Protein backbone atom coordinates (compact mmCIF):
# COMPACT_ATOMS: atom_id res chain seq x y z
CA UNK A 1 32.26 164.98 109.58
CA UNK A 2 28.83 163.67 110.44
CA UNK A 3 27.23 164.00 113.83
CA UNK A 4 27.15 160.22 114.27
CA UNK A 5 30.89 159.89 113.66
CA UNK A 6 31.56 162.70 116.09
CA UNK A 7 29.43 161.06 118.77
CA UNK A 8 31.12 157.69 118.16
CA UNK A 9 34.58 159.18 118.53
CA UNK A 10 33.56 160.85 121.75
CA UNK A 11 31.76 157.84 123.21
CA UNK A 12 34.18 155.05 122.26
CA UNK A 13 37.04 156.14 124.52
CA UNK A 14 34.55 156.69 127.31
CA UNK A 15 33.09 153.20 126.88
CA UNK A 16 36.54 151.61 126.83
CA UNK A 17 37.56 153.49 129.95
CA UNK A 18 34.31 152.49 131.63
CA UNK A 19 34.77 148.79 130.77
CA UNK A 20 38.38 148.88 131.95
CA UNK A 21 37.39 150.52 135.20
CA UNK A 22 34.58 148.00 135.75
CA UNK A 23 37.00 145.12 135.18
CA UNK A 24 39.51 146.64 137.55
CA UNK A 25 36.80 147.09 140.17
CA UNK A 26 35.61 143.45 139.91
CA UNK A 27 36.62 141.96 143.24
CA UNK A 28 38.46 138.65 143.59
CA UNK A 29 36.43 136.20 145.68
CA UNK A 30 37.94 133.32 147.65
CA UNK A 31 35.97 130.22 148.56
CA UNK A 32 36.73 126.91 150.23
CA UNK A 33 34.94 123.78 149.06
CA UNK A 34 34.65 120.05 149.75
CA UNK A 35 35.04 117.64 146.83
CA UNK A 36 34.04 114.00 146.36
CA UNK A 37 33.93 111.86 143.26
CA UNK A 38 34.91 108.76 141.30
CA UNK A 39 37.90 107.86 139.16
CA UNK A 40 37.73 105.38 136.30
CA UNK A 41 41.44 104.67 136.23
CA UNK A 42 43.86 102.59 134.24
CA UNK A 43 47.61 102.36 133.64
CA UNK A 44 49.19 102.13 130.19
CA UNK A 45 51.28 99.05 130.88
CA UNK A 46 52.03 97.53 127.49
CA UNK A 47 52.96 93.89 127.07
CA UNK A 48 52.23 90.77 125.06
CA UNK A 49 48.64 89.61 125.57
CA UNK A 50 49.67 86.00 124.91
CA UNK A 51 53.05 84.30 125.30
CA UNK A 52 53.90 80.69 124.49
CA UNK A 53 56.92 79.02 126.09
CA UNK A 54 58.17 75.42 125.87
CA UNK A 55 56.59 74.46 129.20
CA UNK A 56 53.73 76.93 129.69
CA UNK A 57 51.42 79.47 128.07
CA UNK A 58 50.36 82.81 129.56
CA UNK A 59 47.74 85.41 128.67
CA UNK A 60 47.31 88.84 130.22
CA UNK A 61 45.19 91.93 129.68
CA UNK A 62 44.06 94.98 131.65
CA UNK A 63 40.81 96.76 132.41
CA UNK A 64 39.79 99.94 134.23
CA UNK A 65 39.41 100.22 137.99
CA UNK A 66 36.91 102.37 139.90
CA UNK A 67 38.36 104.41 142.76
CA UNK A 68 37.33 107.26 145.01
CA UNK A 69 38.40 110.89 145.24
CA UNK A 70 37.96 113.12 148.29
CA UNK A 71 39.44 116.39 149.45
CA UNK A 72 39.31 120.16 149.82
CA UNK A 73 39.34 122.82 147.09
CA UNK A 74 40.36 126.48 147.29
CA UNK A 75 39.03 128.84 144.62
CA UNK A 76 40.09 132.36 143.66
CA UNK A 77 37.54 133.76 141.17
CA UNK A 78 37.37 137.04 139.29
CA UNK A 79 34.80 137.55 136.57
CA UNK A 80 34.51 134.55 134.26
CA UNK A 81 37.88 133.14 135.33
CA UNK A 82 38.75 131.15 138.43
CA UNK A 83 41.82 129.38 139.74
CA UNK A 84 41.06 126.18 141.66
CA UNK A 85 43.58 124.20 143.64
CA UNK A 86 43.40 121.95 146.67
CA UNK A 87 44.53 118.68 148.21
CA UNK A 88 42.84 115.46 147.11
CA UNK A 89 43.07 111.82 148.18
CA UNK A 90 42.75 109.97 144.88
CA UNK A 91 42.64 106.24 144.13
CA UNK A 92 44.10 105.10 140.80
CA UNK A 93 45.47 101.87 139.36
CA UNK A 94 44.40 99.03 137.09
CA UNK A 95 42.85 95.56 137.00
CA UNK A 96 45.13 92.84 135.64
CA UNK A 97 43.63 89.62 134.28
CA UNK A 98 46.03 86.70 133.84
CA UNK A 99 45.82 83.09 132.66
CA UNK A 100 48.49 80.37 132.93
CA UNK A 101 48.49 76.89 131.42
CA UNK A 102 51.26 74.43 132.29
CA UNK A 103 51.70 70.62 132.04
CA UNK A 104 50.93 68.59 135.15
CA UNK A 105 54.22 67.73 136.92
CA UNK A 106 53.32 64.04 137.34
CA UNK A 107 51.44 63.41 134.10
CA UNK A 108 52.47 65.91 131.43
CA UNK A 109 49.73 64.79 129.05
CA UNK A 110 47.39 66.79 131.30
CA UNK A 111 47.46 70.49 132.13
CA UNK A 112 47.11 72.72 135.16
CA UNK A 113 45.27 76.04 134.73
CA UNK A 114 45.40 79.24 136.75
CA UNK A 115 42.96 82.06 136.03
CA UNK A 116 43.75 85.17 138.10
CA UNK A 117 42.50 88.69 138.63
CA UNK A 118 44.38 91.44 140.50
CA UNK A 119 42.98 94.82 141.52
CA UNK A 120 46.02 97.05 141.97
CA UNK A 121 44.74 100.14 143.77
CA UNK A 122 47.28 102.94 144.31
CA UNK A 123 46.62 105.80 146.75
CA UNK A 124 47.80 109.30 145.85
CA UNK A 125 47.74 112.71 147.48
CA UNK A 126 47.16 115.00 144.52
CA UNK A 127 47.58 118.76 144.17
CA UNK A 128 45.79 120.08 141.05
CA UNK A 129 45.97 123.63 139.70
CA UNK A 130 43.11 124.26 137.26
CA UNK A 131 42.11 127.39 135.39
CA UNK A 132 38.30 127.41 135.10
CA UNK A 133 36.53 129.51 132.48
CA UNK A 134 32.76 130.12 132.71
CA UNK A 135 31.46 131.78 129.51
CA UNK A 136 28.21 133.69 129.94
CA UNK A 137 25.71 132.90 132.68
CA UNK A 138 24.69 129.39 131.64
CA UNK A 139 26.79 127.75 134.36
CA UNK A 140 28.89 125.79 131.86
CA UNK A 141 32.62 125.54 132.49
CA UNK A 142 35.85 124.64 130.75
CA UNK A 143 38.87 123.76 132.87
CA UNK A 144 42.46 122.64 132.41
CA UNK A 145 45.68 122.59 134.39
CA UNK A 146 48.60 120.55 135.72
CA UNK A 147 48.77 118.34 138.80
CA UNK A 148 51.46 116.78 140.99
CA UNK A 149 50.94 113.78 143.27
CA UNK A 150 52.76 111.67 145.84
CA UNK A 151 52.04 108.00 146.54
CA UNK A 152 50.90 107.22 150.08
CA UNK A 153 49.83 103.56 150.04
CA UNK A 154 47.41 101.10 148.52
CA UNK A 155 47.04 97.37 147.99
CA UNK A 156 46.77 94.75 145.27
CA UNK A 157 44.09 92.13 145.94
CA UNK A 158 44.45 88.91 143.91
CA UNK A 159 42.06 86.00 143.37
CA UNK A 160 43.32 82.90 141.50
CA UNK A 161 41.08 80.05 140.34
CA UNK A 162 42.97 76.77 139.92
CA UNK A 163 41.82 73.78 137.88
CA UNK A 164 43.15 70.77 135.95
CA UNK A 165 41.97 68.37 133.26
CA UNK A 166 43.82 65.58 135.09
CA UNK A 167 41.15 63.57 136.98
CA UNK A 168 43.75 62.44 139.53
CA UNK A 169 45.20 65.89 140.18
CA UNK A 170 44.18 67.56 143.43
CA UNK A 171 44.14 71.35 143.29
CA UNK A 172 43.10 74.12 145.65
CA UNK A 173 40.10 75.62 143.78
CA UNK A 174 40.65 79.24 144.84
CA UNK A 175 43.59 81.17 146.26
CA UNK A 176 43.29 84.70 147.64
CA UNK A 177 46.04 87.01 148.85
CA UNK A 178 46.80 90.71 149.19
CA UNK A 179 50.07 92.55 148.51
CA UNK A 180 50.82 96.04 149.73
CA UNK A 181 51.81 98.79 147.34
CA UNK A 182 55.44 99.82 147.67
CA UNK A 183 56.83 103.11 146.34
CA UNK A 184 60.39 103.37 145.12
CA UNK A 185 62.63 101.78 142.47
CA UNK A 186 61.46 98.47 141.06
CA UNK A 187 63.50 95.33 140.57
CA UNK A 188 64.54 94.25 137.07
CA UNK A 189 62.88 91.17 135.56
CA UNK A 190 59.91 91.30 137.93
CA UNK A 191 57.47 93.44 135.92
CA UNK A 192 55.27 95.42 138.28
CA UNK A 193 55.91 92.98 141.16
CA UNK A 194 58.87 93.06 143.50
CA UNK A 195 59.69 90.86 146.48
CA UNK A 196 58.03 93.55 148.63
CA UNK A 197 54.79 93.56 146.61
CA UNK A 198 53.52 95.78 143.83
CA UNK A 199 55.58 98.92 143.32
CA UNK A 200 55.38 102.36 141.75
CA UNK A 201 57.50 105.46 141.59
CA UNK A 202 56.73 107.77 144.50
CA UNK A 203 55.93 110.93 142.51
CA UNK A 204 53.55 111.49 139.63
CA UNK A 205 52.68 114.57 137.57
CA UNK A 206 50.38 115.24 134.66
CA UNK A 207 47.57 117.29 133.20
CA UNK A 208 43.80 117.48 133.84
CA UNK A 209 41.18 118.92 131.48
CA UNK A 210 37.41 118.75 131.10
CA UNK A 211 34.02 120.41 131.31
CA UNK A 212 31.76 121.32 134.21
CA UNK A 213 28.58 122.97 135.41
CA UNK A 214 28.22 125.44 138.29
CA UNK A 215 24.96 126.49 139.95
CA UNK A 216 25.28 128.47 143.14
CA UNK A 217 27.59 126.67 145.55
CA UNK A 218 27.46 123.33 143.68
CA UNK A 219 29.92 122.41 140.95
CA UNK A 220 29.98 119.17 138.92
CA UNK A 221 32.94 118.41 136.65
CA UNK A 222 33.79 115.65 134.19
CA UNK A 223 37.47 115.48 133.34
CA UNK A 224 40.32 113.35 132.11
CA UNK A 225 43.71 112.95 133.76
CA UNK A 226 46.81 112.38 131.65
CA UNK A 227 49.82 111.19 133.65
CA UNK A 228 53.21 112.21 132.25
CA UNK A 229 55.53 110.20 134.55
CA UNK A 230 56.50 106.61 133.71
CA UNK A 231 55.68 104.91 137.03
CA UNK A 232 57.23 101.52 136.18
CA UNK A 233 60.33 102.40 134.20
CA UNK A 234 63.25 100.11 135.00
CA UNK A 235 66.85 100.05 133.89
CA UNK A 236 68.47 96.93 132.48
CA UNK A 237 65.34 94.96 131.61
CA UNK A 238 63.83 93.83 128.33
CA UNK A 239 60.34 93.14 129.64
CA UNK A 240 57.84 95.05 127.49
CA UNK A 241 55.20 94.94 130.23
CA UNK A 242 56.93 97.72 132.16
CA UNK A 243 57.35 100.14 129.26
CA UNK A 244 55.09 103.16 129.32
CA UNK A 245 53.38 102.82 132.71
CA UNK A 246 51.43 106.10 132.85
CA UNK A 247 48.30 106.95 134.84
CA UNK A 248 45.17 107.55 132.76
CA UNK A 249 41.58 108.05 133.86
CA UNK A 250 38.25 109.80 133.69
CA UNK A 251 37.02 111.74 136.74
CA UNK A 252 33.51 112.67 137.81
CA UNK A 253 33.50 115.01 140.82
CA UNK A 254 31.14 117.20 142.79
CA UNK A 255 32.25 120.19 144.85
CA UNK A 256 30.32 122.26 147.37
CA UNK A 257 31.69 125.75 147.99
CA UNK A 258 31.06 127.59 151.25
CA UNK A 259 30.35 131.31 151.37
CA UNK A 260 28.09 131.61 148.30
């Protein structure tokens, strides 16, 4: 047996024991942070973009909504791994664009037109639980983990522009109104609107994942939230617009940790 092999066999167990002891001696640090950021949110409501009926024609499509995110974060870190949780106020929802064309009631050879836009902004209290991995000392991060949330309010602001090609038809050019967000079971055959306003299920849950960068007490993360609860599922309805109503959205957040 060579001298080098002998030295290796003697040193390897010692190195392993040393690394194990160093890992065991790495202390767990706890830090509290404040988080603020933006959500680019949408909801996966699926429905016909254009419908033609004997007396009217409708068109509808969705777009993303910008909302805020604010809250506190608690971190338990040990080596390259950290567990981050907290309580966040998070705004999600969607923007619904709708168009309606219907014959004039007095002179059906002419049409009335309604072009509307609704910002449905839902307020959630969210509890995330992310595992954060920081490889090396570059400050880069990978994170992923589940979340649960409870609905606590919100509103749907609608603006409708009315017009007509009938020169004798008087119309109110613009109509504005606001509905409150209601949480609880919806009503069949009313889509996402009930007689109480816009509705959603009270509880949501899903999964967050993304990348980040940490330098000292400042952390910036870019993530994506995947909701797993159908917020608008109804029983006894054939409307396709309420099938598959799940929260989706990108998140850009900044967190400042105290005690660095």
